[in-house]
Amino acid sequence: MVRGMVTSVEDVMTPAVKTIERHASVLEATRIMEDMLLGALVVVERSRAVGIITERDVIHRVVNACLDPKRTAVEEVMSSPLITISPDASIEMAAQMMIDRRIKKLPVLRQGRLVGIITATDIVREVPHLREKILATFKKL
């Protein structure tokens, strides 16, 4: 970070990312999200990020489809392929990716290794000049 200015994804990302194995149940995933007050978990297979499960995925793909969360594996309802960003990418690039892809969370990978996550909320909070652009996009979702 240069003189207190937020310039890169690494400047605002959350470095501690909670993950879940792809074969875990959706019930287990939702309990972790609830206990840790998280909106998403990055899904891994052998320590490699392969997808993401969000509250929205659970509502649309489990609840609305009347699936049993105890018997439904995370891999059945996760969003995949995983859309990611580098920690060295600009905040503007992250914001534009979120807007273009209509997503609110971007796992951050360095050389294929999960090193963080950046959310639309992080960008809105830390980068005031991008606030309106992001809020206008996600208000429609």
N, C-alpha and C. Protein backbone atom coordinates (compact mmCIF):
# COMPACT_ATOMS: atom_id res chain seq x y z
N MET A 1 0.85 -1.17 0.00
CA MET A 1 0.00 0.00 0.00
C MET A 1 0.90 1.24 0.00
N VAL A 2 0.57 2.23 -0.78
CA VAL A 2 1.38 3.43 -0.89
C VAL A 2 0.73 4.57 -0.12
N ARG A 3 1.40 5.06 0.94
CA ARG A 3 0.96 6.21 1.73
C ARG A 3 -0.52 6.19 2.07
N GLY A 4 -1.01 5.06 2.55
CA GLY A 4 -2.40 4.98 2.98
C GLY A 4 -3.41 4.88 1.84
N MET A 5 -2.94 4.90 0.59
CA MET A 5 -3.86 4.76 -0.54
C MET A 5 -4.11 3.29 -0.84
N VAL A 6 -5.36 2.97 -1.04
CA VAL A 6 -5.73 1.62 -1.41
C VAL A 6 -5.59 1.51 -2.92
N THR A 7 -4.73 0.61 -3.37
CA THR A 7 -4.51 0.50 -4.81
C THR A 7 -4.68 -0.92 -5.34
N SER A 8 -4.38 -1.91 -4.53
CA SER A 8 -4.44 -3.28 -5.03
C SER A 8 -5.42 -4.12 -4.22
N VAL A 9 -5.80 -5.24 -4.78
CA VAL A 9 -6.68 -6.19 -4.11
C VAL A 9 -6.09 -6.58 -2.76
N GLU A 10 -4.79 -6.79 -2.72
CA GLU A 10 -4.13 -7.20 -1.49
C GLU A 10 -4.33 -6.19 -0.36
N ASP A 11 -4.51 -4.91 -0.72
CA ASP A 11 -4.70 -3.86 0.29
C ASP A 11 -6.00 -4.00 1.07
N VAL A 12 -7.02 -4.61 0.46
CA VAL A 12 -8.32 -4.68 1.13
C VAL A 12 -8.86 -6.10 1.32
N MET A 13 -8.22 -7.08 0.73
CA MET A 13 -8.73 -8.45 0.85
C MET A 13 -8.65 -8.95 2.29
N THR A 14 -9.45 -9.95 2.59
CA THR A 14 -9.38 -10.66 3.86
C THR A 14 -8.46 -11.84 3.65
N PRO A 15 -7.33 -11.89 4.37
CA PRO A 15 -6.37 -12.97 4.11
C PRO A 15 -6.80 -14.34 4.67
N ALA A 16 -7.58 -14.35 5.72
CA ALA A 16 -8.00 -15.62 6.32
C ALA A 16 -9.31 -16.05 5.66
N VAL A 17 -9.23 -17.06 4.81
CA VAL A 17 -10.40 -17.52 4.07
C VAL A 17 -10.85 -18.86 4.64
N LYS A 18 -12.13 -18.94 4.96
CA LYS A 18 -12.68 -20.19 5.46
C LYS A 18 -13.04 -21.06 4.25
N THR A 19 -12.63 -22.31 4.29
CA THR A 19 -12.88 -23.23 3.18
C THR A 19 -13.68 -24.43 3.66
N ILE A 20 -14.18 -25.17 2.69
CA ILE A 20 -14.89 -26.41 2.98
C ILE A 20 -14.57 -27.39 1.86
N GLU A 21 -14.49 -28.67 2.20
CA GLU A 21 -14.24 -29.71 1.19
C GLU A 21 -15.47 -29.88 0.31
N ARG A 22 -15.25 -30.21 -0.95
CA ARG A 22 -16.36 -30.30 -1.91
C ARG A 22 -17.35 -31.40 -1.58
N HIS A 23 -16.95 -32.42 -0.85
CA HIS A 23 -17.84 -33.53 -0.52
C HIS A 23 -18.63 -33.30 0.77
N ALA A 24 -18.36 -32.21 1.48
CA ALA A 24 -19.10 -31.90 2.71
C ALA A 24 -20.56 -31.61 2.36
N SER A 25 -21.42 -31.74 3.34
CA SER A 25 -22.85 -31.48 3.10
C SER A 25 -23.13 -29.98 3.11
N VAL A 26 -24.20 -29.61 2.45
CA VAL A 26 -24.64 -28.22 2.46
C VAL A 26 -25.01 -27.81 3.88
N LEU A 27 -25.56 -28.73 4.65
CA LEU A 27 -25.90 -28.43 6.05
C LEU A 27 -24.64 -28.02 6.82
N GLU A 28 -23.56 -28.77 6.64
CA GLU A 28 -22.30 -28.43 7.30
C GLU A 28 -21.83 -27.04 6.86
N ALA A 29 -21.93 -26.76 5.57
CA ALA A 29 -21.51 -25.46 5.04
C ALA A 29 -22.32 -24.32 5.65
N THR A 30 -23.65 -24.51 5.72
CA THR A 30 -24.48 -23.43 6.27
C THR A 30 -24.24 -23.22 7.76
N ARG A 31 -23.95 -24.28 8.46
CA ARG A 31 -23.64 -24.14 9.89
C ARG A 31 -22.35 -23.36 10.10
N ILE A 32 -21.35 -23.62 9.28
CA ILE A 32 -20.09 -22.87 9.36
C ILE A 32 -20.34 -21.40 9.03
N MET A 33 -21.09 -21.17 7.94
CA MET A 33 -21.38 -19.77 7.55
C MET A 33 -22.13 -19.04 8.67
N GLU A 34 -23.09 -19.72 9.28
CA GLU A 34 -23.86 -19.09 10.35
C GLU A 34 -22.98 -18.83 11.58
N ASP A 35 -22.22 -19.83 12.01
CA ASP A 35 -21.37 -19.70 13.19
C ASP A 35 -20.32 -18.61 13.03
N MET A 36 -19.79 -18.47 11.81
CA MET A 36 -18.70 -17.52 11.58
C MET A 36 -19.18 -16.21 10.93
N LEU A 37 -20.49 -16.08 10.76
CA LEU A 37 -21.09 -14.89 10.16
C LEU A 37 -20.49 -14.60 8.78
N LEU A 38 -20.45 -15.64 7.94
CA LEU A 38 -19.89 -15.53 6.60
C LEU A 38 -20.99 -15.69 5.55
N GLY A 39 -20.81 -15.04 4.42
CA GLY A 39 -21.75 -15.16 3.32
C GLY A 39 -21.34 -16.19 2.30
N ALA A 40 -20.14 -16.75 2.46
CA ALA A 40 -19.65 -17.72 1.48
C ALA A 40 -18.47 -18.51 2.05
N LEU A 41 -18.25 -19.67 1.45
CA LEU A 41 -17.08 -20.49 1.75
C LEU A 41 -16.45 -20.87 0.42
N VAL A 42 -15.13 -20.85 0.38
CA VAL A 42 -14.44 -21.33 -0.82
C VAL A 42 -14.37 -22.85 -0.71
N VAL A 43 -14.72 -23.51 -1.80
CA VAL A 43 -14.75 -24.97 -1.83
C VAL A 43 -13.41 -25.48 -2.34
N VAL A 44 -12.85 -26.45 -1.62
CA VAL A 44 -11.54 -26.98 -1.98
C VAL A 44 -11.59 -28.48 -2.20
N GLU A 45 -10.61 -28.92 -2.98
CA GLU A 45 -10.36 -30.35 -3.17
C GLU A 45 -8.85 -30.51 -3.08
N ARG A 46 -8.42 -31.27 -2.09
CA ARG A 46 -6.98 -31.45 -1.85
C ARG A 46 -6.26 -30.10 -1.78
N SER A 47 -6.81 -29.18 -1.02
CA SER A 47 -6.24 -27.85 -0.78
C SER A 47 -6.27 -26.92 -2.00
N ARG A 48 -6.89 -27.33 -3.10
CA ARG A 48 -6.98 -26.49 -4.29
C ARG A 48 -8.40 -25.93 -4.39
N ALA A 49 -8.51 -24.61 -4.56
CA ALA A 49 -9.81 -23.95 -4.67
C ALA A 49 -10.48 -24.37 -5.97
N VAL A 50 -11.72 -24.90 -5.86
CA VAL A 50 -12.43 -25.40 -7.04
C VAL A 50 -13.81 -24.77 -7.23
N GLY A 51 -14.27 -24.02 -6.25
CA GLY A 51 -15.58 -23.41 -6.35
C GLY A 51 -15.86 -22.53 -5.15
N ILE A 52 -17.08 -22.02 -5.10
CA ILE A 52 -17.51 -21.20 -3.96
C ILE A 52 -18.98 -21.51 -3.71
N ILE A 53 -19.37 -21.57 -2.46
CA ILE A 53 -20.77 -21.73 -2.11
C ILE A 53 -21.17 -20.49 -1.32
N THR A 54 -22.25 -19.87 -1.77
CA THR A 54 -22.72 -18.63 -1.15
C THR A 54 -24.12 -18.85 -0.57
N GLU A 55 -24.54 -17.91 0.25
CA GLU A 55 -25.90 -17.96 0.77
C GLU A 55 -26.90 -18.00 -0.38
N ARG A 56 -26.62 -17.25 -1.41
CA ARG A 56 -27.50 -17.20 -2.58
C ARG A 56 -27.59 -18.57 -3.27
N ASP A 57 -26.46 -19.28 -3.35
CA ASP A 57 -26.46 -20.64 -3.92
C ASP A 57 -27.38 -21.55 -3.11
N VAL A 58 -27.29 -21.44 -1.79
CA VAL A 58 -28.11 -22.29 -0.92
C VAL A 58 -29.59 -21.99 -1.12
N ILE A 59 -29.94 -20.72 -1.19
CA ILE A 59 -31.35 -20.35 -1.38
C ILE A 59 -31.87 -20.85 -2.72
N HIS A 60 -31.13 -20.53 -3.78
CA HIS A 60 -31.62 -20.86 -5.12
C HIS A 60 -31.49 -22.33 -5.50
N ARG A 61 -30.39 -22.96 -5.09
CA ARG A 61 -30.12 -24.32 -5.58
C ARG A 61 -30.48 -25.42 -4.59
N VAL A 62 -30.72 -25.05 -3.33
CA VAL A 62 -31.08 -26.07 -2.34
C VAL A 62 -32.51 -25.84 -1.84
N VAL A 63 -32.74 -24.70 -1.23
CA VAL A 63 -34.06 -24.42 -0.66
C VAL A 63 -35.14 -24.40 -1.75
N ASN A 64 -34.93 -23.58 -2.78
CA ASN A 64 -35.94 -23.48 -3.85
C ASN A 64 -36.13 -24.78 -4.63
N ALA A 65 -35.10 -25.60 -4.67
CA ALA A 65 -35.19 -26.89 -5.36
C ALA A 65 -35.66 -28.01 -4.43
N CYS A 66 -35.94 -27.66 -3.18
CA CYS A 66 -36.43 -28.63 -2.17
C CYS A 66 -35.46 -29.80 -1.97
N LEU A 67 -34.15 -29.50 -2.00
CA LEU A 67 -33.14 -30.54 -1.74
C LEU A 67 -32.89 -30.64 -0.25
N ASP A 68 -32.49 -31.80 0.20
CA ASP A 68 -32.17 -32.04 1.60
C ASP A 68 -30.73 -31.58 1.85
N PRO A 69 -30.52 -30.55 2.66
CA PRO A 69 -29.16 -30.05 2.89
C PRO A 69 -28.23 -31.06 3.57
N LYS A 70 -28.82 -32.05 4.28
CA LYS A 70 -28.00 -33.09 4.91
C LYS A 70 -27.44 -34.05 3.87
N ARG A 71 -28.20 -34.26 2.80
CA ARG A 71 -27.82 -35.25 1.79
C ARG A 71 -27.25 -34.64 0.52
N THR A 72 -27.23 -33.33 0.45
CA THR A 72 -26.72 -32.65 -0.74
C THR A 72 -25.28 -32.22 -0.49
N ALA A 73 -24.38 -32.64 -1.36
CA ALA A 73 -22.97 -32.26 -1.23
C ALA A 73 -22.77 -30.84 -1.76
N VAL A 74 -21.84 -30.15 -1.15
CA VAL A 74 -21.49 -28.80 -1.57
C VAL A 74 -21.18 -28.75 -3.06
N GLU A 75 -20.48 -29.75 -3.58
CA GLU A 75 -20.10 -29.75 -4.99
C GLU A 75 -21.29 -29.77 -5.93
N GLU A 76 -22.44 -30.22 -5.46
CA GLU A 76 -23.64 -30.27 -6.30
C GLU A 76 -24.26 -28.90 -6.53
N VAL A 77 -23.98 -27.96 -5.63
CA VAL A 77 -24.64 -26.65 -5.71
C VAL A 77 -23.67 -25.47 -5.72
N MET A 78 -22.39 -25.73 -5.63
CA MET A 78 -21.41 -24.65 -5.62
C MET A 78 -21.35 -23.95 -6.97
N SER A 79 -20.85 -22.74 -6.97
CA SER A 79 -20.60 -22.02 -8.21
C SER A 79 -19.21 -22.40 -8.70
N SER A 80 -19.15 -22.87 -9.93
CA SER A 80 -17.90 -23.33 -10.51
C SER A 80 -18.05 -23.24 -12.03
N PRO A 81 -16.99 -22.95 -12.76
CA PRO A 81 -15.61 -22.75 -12.33
C PRO A 81 -15.47 -21.47 -11.50
N LEU A 82 -14.48 -21.50 -10.67
CA LEU A 82 -14.22 -20.41 -9.75
C LEU A 82 -13.63 -19.22 -10.48
N ILE A 83 -14.21 -18.06 -10.28
CA ILE A 83 -13.70 -16.81 -10.85
C ILE A 83 -12.81 -16.20 -9.78
N THR A 84 -11.55 -15.95 -10.13
CA THR A 84 -10.58 -15.49 -9.14
C THR A 84 -9.86 -14.24 -9.64
N ILE A 85 -9.06 -13.68 -8.75
CA ILE A 85 -8.26 -12.51 -9.08
C ILE A 85 -6.92 -12.61 -8.35
N SER A 86 -5.93 -11.92 -8.88
CA SER A 86 -4.59 -11.89 -8.27
C SER A 86 -4.55 -10.82 -7.19
N PRO A 87 -3.73 -11.02 -6.15
CA PRO A 87 -3.61 -9.98 -5.12
C PRO A 87 -2.98 -8.69 -5.66
N ASP A 88 -2.26 -8.80 -6.76
CA ASP A 88 -1.61 -7.62 -7.35
C ASP A 88 -2.52 -6.83 -8.28
N ALA A 89 -3.71 -7.37 -8.58
CA ALA A 89 -4.65 -6.67 -9.46
C ALA A 89 -5.15 -5.40 -8.78
N SER A 90 -5.58 -4.45 -9.59
CA SER A 90 -6.09 -3.20 -9.03
C SER A 90 -7.49 -3.39 -8.46
N ILE A 91 -7.84 -2.52 -7.54
CA ILE A 91 -9.18 -2.52 -6.97
C ILE A 91 -10.20 -2.27 -8.08
N GLU A 92 -9.87 -1.39 -9.00
CA GLU A 92 -10.77 -1.09 -10.12
C GLU A 92 -11.04 -2.34 -10.95
N MET A 93 -10.01 -3.15 -11.17
CA MET A 93 -10.18 -4.39 -11.93
C MET A 93 -11.11 -5.35 -11.18
N ALA A 94 -10.92 -5.46 -9.87
CA ALA A 94 -11.78 -6.33 -9.06
C ALA A 94 -13.23 -5.86 -9.14
N ALA A 95 -13.43 -4.56 -9.00
CA ALA A 95 -14.79 -4.00 -9.06
C ALA A 95 -15.41 -4.29 -10.43
N GLN A 96 -14.65 -4.09 -11.49
CA GLN A 96 -15.18 -4.31 -12.83
C GLN A 96 -15.52 -5.79 -13.06
N MET A 97 -14.67 -6.69 -12.54
CA MET A 97 -14.96 -8.12 -12.67
C MET A 97 -16.27 -8.47 -11.96
N MET A 98 -16.46 -7.91 -10.77
CA MET A 98 -17.68 -8.18 -10.02
C MET A 98 -18.90 -7.66 -10.78
N ILE A 99 -18.78 -6.47 -11.33
CA ILE A 99 -19.89 -5.88 -12.08
C ILE A 99 -20.18 -6.70 -13.33
N ASP A 100 -19.13 -7.01 -14.09
CA ASP A 100 -19.31 -7.76 -15.34
C ASP A 100 -19.87 -9.16 -15.11
N ARG A 101 -19.41 -9.81 -14.05
CA ARG A 101 -19.82 -11.20 -13.78
C ARG A 101 -21.02 -11.29 -12.83
N ARG A 102 -21.42 -10.12 -12.29
CA ARG A 102 -22.54 -10.04 -11.34
C ARG A 102 -22.31 -10.96 -10.14
N ILE A 103 -21.12 -10.82 -9.57
CA ILE A 103 -20.75 -11.58 -8.38
C ILE A 103 -20.29 -10.60 -7.31
N LYS A 104 -20.36 -11.03 -6.06
CA LYS A 104 -20.02 -10.14 -4.95
C LYS A 104 -18.76 -10.56 -4.21
N LYS A 105 -18.22 -11.72 -4.56
CA LYS A 105 -17.04 -12.23 -3.86
C LYS A 105 -16.05 -12.80 -4.86
N LEU A 106 -14.78 -12.46 -4.66
CA LEU A 106 -13.72 -12.96 -5.54
C LEU A 106 -12.61 -13.58 -4.69
N PRO A 107 -12.43 -14.88 -4.77
CA PRO A 107 -11.27 -15.48 -4.11
C PRO A 107 -9.99 -14.94 -4.76
N VAL A 108 -8.98 -14.77 -3.95
CA VAL A 108 -7.70 -14.21 -4.40
C VAL A 108 -6.67 -15.33 -4.41
N LEU A 109 -6.09 -15.56 -5.59
CA LEU A 109 -5.09 -16.62 -5.74
C LEU A 109 -3.75 -16.04 -6.17
N ARG A 110 -2.69 -16.53 -5.55
CA ARG A 110 -1.33 -16.20 -5.95
C ARG A 110 -0.67 -17.51 -6.35
N GLN A 111 -0.30 -17.61 -7.63
CA GLN A 111 0.32 -18.82 -8.18
C GLN A 111 -0.51 -20.06 -7.85
N GLY A 112 -1.83 -19.94 -8.01
CA GLY A 112 -2.73 -21.05 -7.80
C GLY A 112 -3.09 -21.34 -6.36
N ARG A 113 -2.50 -20.60 -5.41
CA ARG A 113 -2.75 -20.83 -3.99
C ARG A 113 -3.71 -19.76 -3.44
N LEU A 114 -4.73 -20.19 -2.71
CA LEU A 114 -5.69 -19.28 -2.11
C LEU A 114 -5.02 -18.45 -1.03
N VAL A 115 -5.05 -17.11 -1.20
CA VAL A 115 -4.39 -16.23 -0.23
C VAL A 115 -5.34 -15.21 0.37
N GLY A 116 -6.59 -15.19 -0.09
CA GLY A 116 -7.53 -14.22 0.45
C GLY A 116 -8.84 -14.22 -0.30
N ILE A 117 -9.70 -13.29 0.09
CA ILE A 117 -10.97 -13.09 -0.61
C ILE A 117 -11.29 -11.60 -0.53
N ILE A 118 -11.84 -11.07 -1.60
CA ILE A 118 -12.27 -9.68 -1.62
C ILE A 118 -13.75 -9.66 -1.98
N THR A 119 -14.50 -8.80 -1.30
CA THR A 119 -15.93 -8.72 -1.53
C THR A 119 -16.33 -7.33 -2.00
N ALA A 120 -17.51 -7.25 -2.55
CA ALA A 120 -18.05 -5.95 -2.96
C ALA A 120 -18.13 -5.02 -1.75
N THR A 121 -18.46 -5.56 -0.60
CA THR A 121 -18.53 -4.77 0.62
C THR A 121 -17.16 -4.19 0.97
N ASP A 122 -16.10 -4.99 0.81
CA ASP A 122 -14.73 -4.49 1.07
C ASP A 122 -14.44 -3.28 0.18
N ILE A 123 -14.80 -3.39 -1.08
CA ILE A 123 -14.51 -2.32 -2.03
C ILE A 123 -15.33 -1.08 -1.71
N VAL A 124 -16.61 -1.25 -1.44
CA VAL A 124 -17.47 -0.12 -1.11
C VAL A 124 -16.97 0.60 0.14
N ARG A 125 -16.53 -0.16 1.12
CA ARG A 125 -16.06 0.42 2.39
C ARG A 125 -14.72 1.15 2.22
N GLU A 126 -13.83 0.58 1.44
CA GLU A 126 -12.47 1.09 1.36
C GLU A 126 -12.18 2.04 0.20
N VAL A 127 -13.01 2.01 -0.84
CA VAL A 127 -12.72 2.80 -2.04
C VAL A 127 -13.96 3.62 -2.41
N PRO A 128 -14.10 4.78 -1.78
CA PRO A 128 -15.31 5.59 -1.97
C PRO A 128 -15.66 5.92 -3.42
N HIS A 129 -14.67 6.13 -4.27
CA HIS A 129 -14.98 6.52 -5.65
C HIS A 129 -15.61 5.38 -6.47
N LEU A 130 -15.58 4.15 -5.95
CA LEU A 130 -16.22 3.02 -6.64
C LEU A 130 -17.57 2.65 -6.03
N ARG A 131 -17.90 3.29 -4.92
CA ARG A 131 -19.11 2.96 -4.16
C ARG A 131 -20.38 2.98 -5.02
N GLU A 132 -20.66 4.08 -5.69
CA GLU A 132 -21.90 4.21 -6.46
C GLU A 132 -21.99 3.19 -7.59
N LYS A 133 -20.87 2.96 -8.27
CA LYS A 133 -20.85 2.01 -9.39
C LYS A 133 -21.22 0.60 -8.92
N ILE A 134 -20.65 0.21 -7.80
CA ILE A 134 -20.91 -1.14 -7.26
C ILE A 134 -22.33 -1.22 -6.71
N LEU A 135 -22.72 -0.25 -5.92
CA LEU A 135 -24.05 -0.28 -5.32
C LEU A 135 -25.14 -0.30 -6.39
N ALA A 136 -24.97 0.45 -7.45
CA ALA A 136 -25.96 0.49 -8.53
C ALA A 136 -26.11 -0.88 -9.19
N THR A 137 -25.01 -1.58 -9.35
CA THR A 137 -25.05 -2.90 -9.99
C THR A 137 -25.76 -3.93 -9.10
N PHE A 138 -25.42 -3.96 -7.82
CA PHE A 138 -25.93 -5.00 -6.97
C PHE A 138 -27.31 -4.70 -6.40
N LYS A 139 -27.75 -3.48 -6.54
CA LYS A 139 -29.11 -3.13 -6.15
C LYS A 139 -30.11 -3.88 -7.03
N LYS A 140 -29.69 -4.19 -8.25
CA LYS A 140 -30.55 -4.86 -9.23
C LYS A 140 -30.66 -6.36 -8.99
N LEU A 141 -29.73 -6.93 -8.22
CA LEU A 141 -29.73 -8.39 -8.02
C LEU A 141 -30.83 -8.84 -7.08
